[in-house]
Amino acid sequence: MTAKATGDGMHFFMPEGSQFHQLLPALIDATLRHLTQDNHRYRDRIRLKMSIALGPVGHGALGLSQATVVELARLIDSDAMKQSC
């Protein structure tokens, strides 16, 4: 798995052919575990928005491209996600 920081976020990329049914639960569990540990350690709690999409991602002139990148951006910026926070 490869991670790419995006300023106030992070993208994780799984290699083509990965066993997503095994990797996704492990990623979600690890995220929850680390977030819980951090929030117990410090008074300024962290809240997290997370979206997941499966599909091709490529390099474009301005960074990442392909429909999957657009889908993730729309998920994070959706009204439903904003209302849940």
PDB file of N, CA and C in Angstrom:
ATOM      1  N   MET A   1       0.852  -1.166   0.000  1.00  0.00           N
ATOM      2  CA  MET A   1       0.000   0.000   0.000  1.00  0.00           C
ATOM      3  C   MET A   1       0.899   1.230   0.000  1.00  0.00           C
ATOM      4  N   THR A   2       0.526   2.221  -0.769  1.00  0.00           N
ATOM      5  CA  THR A   2       1.266   3.467  -0.867  1.00  0.00           C
ATOM      6  C   THR A   2       0.406   4.594  -0.313  1.00  0.00           C
ATOM      7  N   ALA A   3       1.014   5.514   0.434  1.00  0.00           N
ATOM      8  CA  ALA A   3       0.291   6.661   0.990  1.00  0.00           C
ATOM      9  C   ALA A   3       0.856   7.942   0.386  1.00  0.00           C
ATOM     10  N   LYS A   4      -0.033   8.909   0.152  1.00  0.00           N
ATOM     11  CA  LYS A   4       0.384  10.212  -0.377  1.00  0.00           C
ATOM     12  C   LYS A   4      -0.320  11.293   0.436  1.00  0.00           C
ATOM     13  N   ALA A   5       0.454  12.129   1.103  1.00  0.00           N
ATOM     14  CA  ALA A   5      -0.112  13.226   1.891  1.00  0.00           C
ATOM     15  C   ALA A   5      -0.672  14.289   0.955  1.00  0.00           C
ATOM     16  N   THR A   6      -1.782  14.914   1.370  1.00  0.00           N
ATOM     17  CA  THR A   6      -2.440  15.936   0.548  1.00  0.00           C
ATOM     18  C   THR A   6      -2.645  17.221   1.332  1.00  0.00           C
ATOM     19  N   GLY A   7      -1.752  17.544   2.215  1.00  0.00           N
ATOM     20  CA  GLY A   7      -1.915  18.731   3.057  1.00  0.00           C
ATOM     21  C   GLY A   7      -2.658  18.363   4.323  1.00  0.00           C
ATOM     22  N   ASP A   8      -3.972  18.526   4.306  1.00  0.00           N
ATOM     23  CA  ASP A   8      -4.757  18.164   5.482  1.00  0.00           C
ATOM     24  C   ASP A   8      -5.421  16.800   5.322  1.00  0.00           C
ATOM     25  N   GLY A   9      -4.954  16.014   4.371  1.00  0.00           N
ATOM     26  CA  GLY A   9      -5.530  14.692   4.142  1.00  0.00           C
ATOM     27  C   GLY A   9      -4.479  13.708   3.687  1.00  0.00           C
ATOM     28  N   MET A  10      -4.938  12.540   3.284  1.00  0.00           N
ATOM     29  CA  MET A  10      -4.021  11.506   2.820  1.00  0.00           C
ATOM     30  C   MET A  10      -4.772  10.583   1.869  1.00  0.00           C
ATOM     31  N   HIS A  11      -4.099  10.168   0.825  1.00  0.00           N
ATOM     32  CA  HIS A  11      -4.635   9.176  -0.097  1.00  0.00           C
ATOM     33  C   HIS A  11      -3.831   7.890   0.081  1.00  0.00           C
ATOM     34  N   PHE A  12      -4.506   6.765   0.123  1.00  0.00           N
ATOM     35  CA  PHE A  12      -3.856   5.465   0.170  1.00  0.00           C
ATOM     36  C   PHE A  12      -4.150   4.742  -1.132  1.00  0.00           C
ATOM     37  N   PHE A  13      -3.137   4.168  -1.705  1.00  0.00           N
ATOM     38  CA  PHE A  13      -3.280   3.444  -2.962  1.00  0.00           C
ATOM     39  C   PHE A  13      -2.874   1.998  -2.740  1.00  0.00           C
ATOM     40  N   MET A  14      -3.735   1.100  -3.157  1.00  0.00           N
ATOM     41  CA  MET A  14      -3.453  -0.327  -3.055  1.00  0.00           C
ATOM     42  C   MET A  14      -3.030  -0.824  -4.424  1.00  0.00           C
ATOM     43  N   PRO A  15      -2.036  -1.673  -4.466  1.00  0.00           N
ATOM     44  CA  PRO A  15      -1.553  -2.166  -5.761  1.00  0.00           C
ATOM     45  C   PRO A  15      -2.638  -2.917  -6.530  1.00  0.00           C
ATOM     46  N   GLU A  16      -2.569  -2.827  -7.840  1.00  0.00           N
ATOM     47  CA  GLU A  16      -3.506  -3.566  -8.688  1.00  0.00           C
ATOM     48  C   GLU A  16      -3.421  -5.043  -8.327  1.00  0.00           C
ATOM     49  N   GLY A  17      -4.565  -5.668  -8.252  1.00  0.00           N
ATOM     50  CA  GLY A  17      -4.611  -7.085  -7.901  1.00  0.00           C
ATOM     51  C   GLY A  17      -4.659  -7.353  -6.411  1.00  0.00           C
ATOM     52  N   SER A  18      -4.715  -6.295  -5.597  1.00  0.00           N
ATOM     53  CA  SER A  18      -4.775  -6.459  -4.138  1.00  0.00           C
ATOM     54  C   SER A  18      -6.075  -7.144  -3.729  1.00  0.00           C
ATOM     55  N   GLN A  19      -6.033  -7.771  -2.591  1.00  0.00           N
ATOM     56  CA  GLN A  19      -7.214  -8.409  -2.010  1.00  0.00           C
ATOM     57  C   GLN A  19      -7.942  -7.363  -1.171  1.00  0.00           C
ATOM     58  N   PHE A  20      -8.783  -6.556  -1.842  1.00  0.00           N
ATOM     59  CA  PHE A  20      -9.441  -5.436  -1.180  1.00  0.00           C
ATOM     60  C   PHE A  20     -10.293  -5.881   0.002  1.00  0.00           C
ATOM     61  N   HIS A  21     -10.901  -7.034  -0.084  1.00  0.00           N
ATOM     62  CA  HIS A  21     -11.743  -7.519   1.006  1.00  0.00           C
ATOM     63  C   HIS A  21     -10.940  -7.781   2.275  1.00  0.00           C
ATOM     64  N   GLN A  22      -9.631  -7.898   2.167  1.00  0.00           N
ATOM     65  CA  GLN A  22      -8.758  -8.054   3.342  1.00  0.00           C
ATOM     66  C   GLN A  22      -8.107  -6.732   3.728  1.00  0.00           C
ATOM     67  N   LEU A  23      -7.672  -5.957   2.745  1.00  0.00           N
ATOM     68  CA  LEU A  23      -6.947  -4.719   3.025  1.00  0.00           C
ATOM     69  C   LEU A  23      -7.841  -3.602   3.567  1.00  0.00           C
ATOM     70  N   LEU A  24      -9.033  -3.457   3.029  1.00  0.00           N
ATOM     71  CA  LEU A  24      -9.912  -2.369   3.484  1.00  0.00           C
ATOM     72  C   LEU A  24     -10.295  -2.486   4.953  1.00  0.00           C
ATOM     73  N   PRO A  25     -10.742  -3.647   5.434  1.00  0.00           N
ATOM     74  CA  PRO A  25     -11.039  -3.753   6.873  1.00  0.00           C
ATOM     75  C   PRO A  25      -9.808  -3.479   7.735  1.00  0.00           C
ATOM     76  N   ALA A  26      -8.638  -3.919   7.295  1.00  0.00           N
ATOM     77  CA  ALA A  26      -7.403  -3.675   8.057  1.00  0.00           C
ATOM     78  C   ALA A  26      -7.093  -2.177   8.104  1.00  0.00           C
ATOM     79  N   LEU A  27      -7.283  -1.473   6.987  1.00  0.00           N
ATOM     80  CA  LEU A  27      -7.044  -0.027   6.943  1.00  0.00           C
ATOM     81  C   LEU A  27      -8.024   0.708   7.858  1.00  0.00           C
ATOM     82  N   ILE A  28      -9.284   0.345   7.789  1.00  0.00           N
ATOM     83  CA  ILE A  28     -10.293   1.002   8.632  1.00  0.00           C
ATOM     84  C   ILE A  28     -10.037   0.712  10.107  1.00  0.00           C
ATOM     85  N   ASP A  29      -9.728  -0.528  10.450  1.00  0.00           N
ATOM     86  CA  ASP A  29      -9.438  -0.880  11.844  1.00  0.00           C
ATOM     87  C   ASP A  29      -8.217  -0.134  12.371  1.00  0.00           C
ATOM     88  N   ALA A  30      -7.149  -0.063  11.572  1.00  0.00           N
ATOM     89  CA  ALA A  30      -5.933   0.635  12.003  1.00  0.00           C
ATOM     90  C   ALA A  30      -6.204   2.125  12.177  1.00  0.00           C
ATOM     91  N   THR A  31      -6.985   2.713  11.278  1.00  0.00           N
ATOM     92  CA  THR A  31      -7.330   4.132  11.393  1.00  0.00           C
ATOM     93  C   THR A  31      -8.102   4.396  12.677  1.00  0.00           C
ATOM     94  N   LEU A  32      -9.105   3.584  12.942  1.00  0.00           N
ATOM     95  CA  LEU A  32      -9.902   3.736  14.161  1.00  0.00           C
ATOM     96  C   LEU A  32      -9.044   3.558  15.410  1.00  0.00           C
ATOM     97  N   ARG A  33      -8.169   2.572  15.404  1.00  0.00           N
ATOM     98  CA  ARG A  33      -7.306   2.307  16.563  1.00  0.00           C
ATOM     99  C   ARG A  33      -6.376   3.494  16.839  1.00  0.00           C
ATOM    100  N   HIS A  34      -5.727   4.001  15.812  1.00  0.00           N
ATOM    101  CA  HIS A  34      -4.791   5.118  16.004  1.00  0.00           C
ATOM    102  C   HIS A  34      -5.517   6.407  16.388  1.00  0.00           C
ATOM    103  N   LEU A  35      -6.674   6.649  15.796  1.00  0.00           N
ATOM    104  CA  LEU A  35      -7.462   7.832  16.141  1.00  0.00           C
ATOM    105  C   LEU A  35      -7.929   7.760  17.594  1.00  0.00           C
ATOM    106  N   THR A  36      -8.388   6.606  18.030  1.00  0.00           N
ATOM    107  CA  THR A  36      -8.832   6.421  19.411  1.00  0.00           C
ATOM    108  C   THR A  36      -7.678   6.627  20.390  1.00  0.00           C
ATOM    109  N   GLN A  37      -6.521   6.060  20.094  1.00  0.00           N
ATOM    110  CA  GLN A  37      -5.343   6.231  20.953  1.00  0.00           C
ATOM    111  C   GLN A  37      -4.958   7.704  21.063  1.00  0.00           C
ATOM    112  N   ASP A  38      -4.945   8.395  19.933  1.00  0.00           N
ATOM    113  CA  ASP A  38      -4.583   9.807  19.938  1.00  0.00           C
ATOM    114  C   ASP A  38      -5.591  10.630  20.734  1.00  0.00           C
ATOM    115  N   ASN A  39      -6.866  10.353  20.557  1.00  0.00           N
ATOM    116  CA  ASN A  39      -7.897  11.114  21.257  1.00  0.00           C
ATOM    117  C   ASN A  39      -7.911  10.833  22.757  1.00  0.00           C
ATOM    118  N   HIS A  40      -7.427   9.691  23.185  1.00  0.00           N
ATOM    119  CA  HIS A  40      -7.299   9.426  24.618  1.00  0.00           C
ATOM    120  C   HIS A  40      -6.053  10.101  25.208  1.00  0.00           C
ATOM    121  N   ARG A  41      -5.059  10.317  24.389  1.00  0.00           N
ATOM    122  CA  ARG A  41      -3.794  10.873  24.846  1.00  0.00           C
ATOM    123  C   ARG A  41      -3.839  12.400  24.954  1.00  0.00           C
ATOM    124  N   TYR A  42      -4.559  13.058  24.039  1.00  0.00           N
ATOM    125  CA  TYR A  42      -4.549  14.519  23.972  1.00  0.00           C
ATOM    126  C   TYR A  42      -5.943  15.086  24.200  1.00  0.00           C
ATOM    127  N   ARG A  43      -5.998  16.312  24.713  1.00  0.00           N
ATOM    128  CA  ARG A  43      -7.282  16.963  24.994  1.00  0.00           C
ATOM    129  C   ARG A  43      -7.964  17.491  23.741  1.00  0.00           C
ATOM    130  N   ASP A  44      -7.182  17.874  22.747  1.00  0.00           N
ATOM    131  CA  ASP A  44      -7.762  18.384  21.490  1.00  0.00           C
ATOM    132  C   ASP A  44      -8.035  17.204  20.555  1.00  0.00           C
ATOM    133  N   ARG A  45      -9.252  16.719  20.651  1.00  0.00           N
ATOM    134  CA  ARG A  45      -9.646  15.529  19.909  1.00  0.00           C
ATOM    135  C   ARG A  45      -9.668  15.778  18.400  1.00  0.00           C
ATOM    136  N   ILE A  46      -9.375  14.743  17.660  1.00  0.00           N
ATOM    137  CA  ILE A  46      -9.397  14.792  16.205  1.00  0.00           C
ATOM    138  C   ILE A  46     -10.675  14.131  15.710  1.00  0.00           C
ATOM    139  N   ARG A  47     -11.336  14.804  14.759  1.00  0.00           N
ATOM    140  CA  ARG A  47     -12.468  14.200  14.064  1.00  0.00           C
ATOM    141  C   ARG A  47     -12.010  13.878  12.654  1.00  0.00           C
ATOM    142  N   LEU A  48     -12.548  12.846  12.091  1.00  0.00           N
ATOM    143  CA  LEU A  48     -12.059  12.351  10.813  1.00  0.00           C
ATOM    144  C   LEU A  48     -13.199  12.131   9.835  1.00  0.00           C
ATOM    145  N   LYS A  49     -13.009  12.593   8.600  1.00  0.00           N
ATOM    146  CA  LYS A  49     -13.888  12.244   7.487  1.00  0.00           C
ATOM    147  C   LYS A  49     -13.094  11.286   6.603  1.00  0.00           C
ATOM    148  N   MET A  50     -13.748  10.219   6.181  1.00  0.00           N
ATOM    149  CA  MET A  50     -13.053   9.238   5.365  1.00  0.00           C
ATOM    150  C   MET A  50     -13.983   8.762   4.256  1.00  0.00           C
ATOM    151  N   SER A  51     -13.475   8.708   3.049  1.00  0.00           N
ATOM    152  CA  SER A  51     -14.246   8.135   1.949  1.00  0.00           C
ATOM    153  C   SER A  51     -13.386   7.082   1.261  1.00  0.00           C
ATOM    154  N   ILE A  52     -14.055   6.121   0.672  1.00  0.00           N
ATOM    155  CA  ILE A  52     -13.362   5.014   0.017  1.00  0.00           C
ATOM    156  C   ILE A  52     -13.984   4.804  -1.351  1.00  0.00           C
ATOM    157  N   ALA A  53     -13.142   4.668  -2.345  1.00  0.00           N
ATOM    158  CA  ALA A  53     -13.601   4.354  -3.696  1.00  0.00           C
ATOM    159  C   ALA A  53     -12.599   3.388  -4.318  1.00  0.00           C
ATOM    160  N   LEU A  54     -13.112   2.495  -5.099  1.00  0.00           N
ATOM    161  CA  LEU A  54     -12.254   1.546  -5.805  1.00  0.00           C
ATOM    162  C   LEU A  54     -12.302   1.860  -7.286  1.00  0.00           C
ATOM    163  N   GLY A  55     -11.139   1.938  -7.906  1.00  0.00           N
ATOM    164  CA  GLY A  55     -11.088   2.198  -9.338  1.00  0.00           C
ATOM    165  C   GLY A  55      -9.711   2.649  -9.751  1.00  0.00           C
ATOM    166  N   PRO A  56      -9.532   2.851 -11.030  1.00  0.00           N
ATOM    167  CA  PRO A  56      -8.216   3.246 -11.546  1.00  0.00           C
ATOM    168  C   PRO A  56      -7.864   4.689 -11.185  1.00  0.00           C
ATOM    169  N   VAL A  57      -6.582   4.905 -10.962  1.00  0.00           N
ATOM    170  CA  VAL A  57      -6.028   6.229 -10.680  1.00  0.00           C
ATOM    171  C   VAL A  57      -4.774   6.368 -11.521  1.00  0.00           C
ATOM    172  N   GLY A  58      -4.601   7.522 -12.135  1.00  0.00           N
ATOM    173  CA  GLY A  58      -3.414   7.759 -12.948  1.00  0.00           C
ATOM    174  C   GLY A  58      -2.824   9.124 -12.661  1.00  0.00           C
ATOM    175  N   HIS A  59      -1.672   9.380 -13.240  1.00  0.00           N
ATOM    176  CA  HIS A  59      -1.019  10.675 -13.097  1.00  0.00           C
ATOM    177  C   HIS A  59      -1.459  11.573 -14.242  1.00  0.00           C
ATOM    178  N   GLY A  60      -1.839  12.797 -13.904  1.00  0.00           N
ATOM    179  CA  GLY A  60      -2.238  13.777 -14.906  1.00  0.00           C
ATOM    180  C   GLY A  60      -1.363  15.008 -14.821  1.00  0.00           C
ATOM    181  N   ALA A  61      -1.657  15.986 -15.631  1.00  0.00           N
ATOM    182  CA  ALA A  61      -0.856  17.207 -15.684  1.00  0.00           C
ATOM    183  C   ALA A  61      -0.871  17.969 -14.366  1.00  0.00           C
ATOM    184  N   LEU A  62      -1.979  17.906 -13.627  1.00  0.00           N
ATOM    185  CA  LEU A  62      -2.104  18.657 -12.370  1.00  0.00           C
ATOM    186  C   LEU A  62      -2.120  17.750 -11.139  1.00  0.00           C
ATOM    187  N   GLY A  63      -1.644  16.544 -11.276  1.00  0.00           N
ATOM    188  CA  GLY A  63      -1.644  15.615 -10.144  1.00  0.00           C
ATOM    189  C   GLY A  63      -2.327  14.321 -10.530  1.00  0.00           C
ATOM    190  N   LEU A  64      -3.167  13.816  -9.647  1.00  0.00           N
ATOM    191  CA  LEU A  64      -3.847  12.561  -9.909  1.00  0.00           C
ATOM    192  C   LEU A  64      -5.050  12.789 -10.818  1.00  0.00           C
ATOM    193  N   SER A  65      -5.356  11.785 -11.620  1.00  0.00           N
ATOM    194  CA  SER A  65      -6.497  11.898 -12.516  1.00  0.00           C
ATOM    195  C   SER A  65      -7.236  10.568 -12.581  1.00  0.00           C
ATOM    196  N   GLN A  66      -8.307  10.536 -13.288  1.00  0.00           N
ATOM    197  CA  GLN A  66      -9.222   9.424 -13.508  1.00  0.00           C
ATOM    198  C   GLN A  66     -10.496   9.668 -12.716  1.00  0.00           C
ATOM    199  N   ALA A  67     -11.545   8.970 -13.076  1.00  0.00           N
ATOM    200  CA  ALA A  67     -12.861   9.160 -12.464  1.00  0.00           C
ATOM    201  C   ALA A  67     -12.856   8.850 -10.967  1.00  0.00           C
ATOM    202  N   THR A  68     -12.004   7.956 -10.522  1.00  0.00           N
ATOM    203  CA  THR A  68     -11.952   7.591  -9.102  1.00  0.00           C
ATOM    204  C   THR A  68     -11.572   8.785  -8.236  1.00  0.00           C
ATOM    205  N   VAL A  69     -10.654   9.600  -8.695  1.00  0.00           N
ATOM    206  CA  VAL A  69     -10.218  10.784  -7.951  1.00  0.00           C
ATOM    207  C   VAL A  69     -11.372  11.778  -7.829  1.00  0.00           C
ATOM    208  N   VAL A  70     -12.096  11.972  -8.905  1.00  0.00           N
ATOM    209  CA  VAL A  70     -13.251  12.874  -8.892  1.00  0.00           C
ATOM    210  C   VAL A  70     -14.317  12.334  -7.942  1.00  0.00           C
ATOM    211  N   GLU A  71     -14.565  11.033  -7.980  1.00  0.00           N
ATOM    212  CA  GLU A  71     -15.558  10.410  -7.103  1.00  0.00           C
ATOM    213  C   GLU A  71     -15.209  10.623  -5.631  1.00  0.00           C
ATOM    214  N   LEU A  72     -13.949  10.442  -5.278  1.00  0.00           N
ATOM    215  CA  LEU A  72     -13.530  10.658  -3.884  1.00  0.00           C
ATOM    216  C   LEU A  72     -13.717  12.105  -3.455  1.00  0.00           C
ATOM    217  N   ALA A  73     -13.353  13.026  -4.313  1.00  0.00           N
ATOM    218  CA  ALA A  73     -13.505  14.445  -3.985  1.00  0.00           C
ATOM    219  C   ALA A  73     -14.977  14.786  -3.781  1.00  0.00           C
ATOM    220  N   ARG A  74     -15.841  14.243  -4.614  1.00  0.00           N
ATOM    221  CA  ARG A  74     -17.272  14.507  -4.475  1.00  0.00           C
ATOM    222  C   ARG A  74     -17.840  13.876  -3.212  1.00  0.00           C
ATOM    223  N   LEU A  75     -17.352  12.708  -2.828  1.00  0.00           N
ATOM    224  CA  LEU A  75     -17.808  12.081  -1.588  1.00  0.00           C
ATOM    225  C   LEU A  75     -17.469  12.950  -0.385  1.00  0.00           C
ATOM    226  N   ILE A  76     -16.233  13.412  -0.313  1.00  0.00           N
ATOM    227  CA  ILE A  76     -15.791  14.233   0.816  1.00  0.00           C
ATOM    228  C   ILE A  76     -16.553  15.555   0.853  1.00  0.00           C
ATOM    229  N   ASP A  77     -16.845  16.143  -0.298  1.00  0.00           N
ATOM    230  CA  ASP A  77     -17.513  17.443  -0.355  1.00  0.00           C
ATOM    231  C   ASP A  77     -19.045  17.351  -0.420  1.00  0.00           C
ATOM    232  N   SER A  78     -19.589  16.162  -0.294  1.00  0.00           N
ATOM    233  CA  SER A  78     -21.043  16.000  -0.424  1.00  0.00           C
ATOM    234  C   SER A  78     -21.783  16.626   0.772  1.00  0.00           C
ATOM    235  N   ASP A  79     -23.010  17.043   0.526  1.00  0.00           N
ATOM    236  CA  ASP A  79     -23.833  17.620   1.583  1.00  0.00           C
ATOM    237  C   ASP A  79     -24.057  16.615   2.721  1.00  0.00           C
ATOM    238  N   ALA A  80     -24.261  15.351   2.364  1.00  0.00           N
ATOM    239  CA  ALA A  80     -24.480  14.322   3.392  1.00  0.00           C
ATOM    240  C   ALA A  80     -23.275  14.207   4.324  1.00  0.00           C
ATOM    241  N   MET A  81     -22.066  14.270   3.762  1.00  0.00           N
ATOM    242  CA  MET A  81     -20.861  14.188   4.592  1.00  0.00           C
ATOM    243  C   MET A  81     -20.709  15.420   5.455  1.00  0.00           C
ATOM    244  N   LYS A  82     -21.004  16.591   4.907  1.00  0.00           N
ATOM    245  CA  LYS A  82     -20.886  17.830   5.676  1.00  0.00           C
ATOM    246  C   LYS A  82     -21.897  17.873   6.820  1.00  0.00           C
ATOM    247  N   GLN A  83     -23.088  17.344   6.623  1.00  0.00           N
ATOM    248  CA  GLN A  83     -24.112  17.330   7.667  1.00  0.00           C
ATOM    249  C   GLN A  83     -23.785  16.333   8.772  1.00  0.00           C
ATOM    250  N   SER A  84     -22.996  15.315   8.462  1.00  0.00           N
ATOM    251  CA  SER A  84     -22.682  14.293   9.465  1.00  0.00           C
ATOM    252  C   SER A  84     -21.579  14.727  10.415  1.00  0.00           C
ATOM    253  N   CYS A  85     -20.922  15.821  10.111  1.00  0.00           N
ATOM    254  CA  CYS A  85     -19.782  16.256  10.943  1.00  0.00           C
ATOM    255  C   CYS A  85     -20.192  17.276  11.986  1.00  0.00           C
TER     256      CYS A  85
END
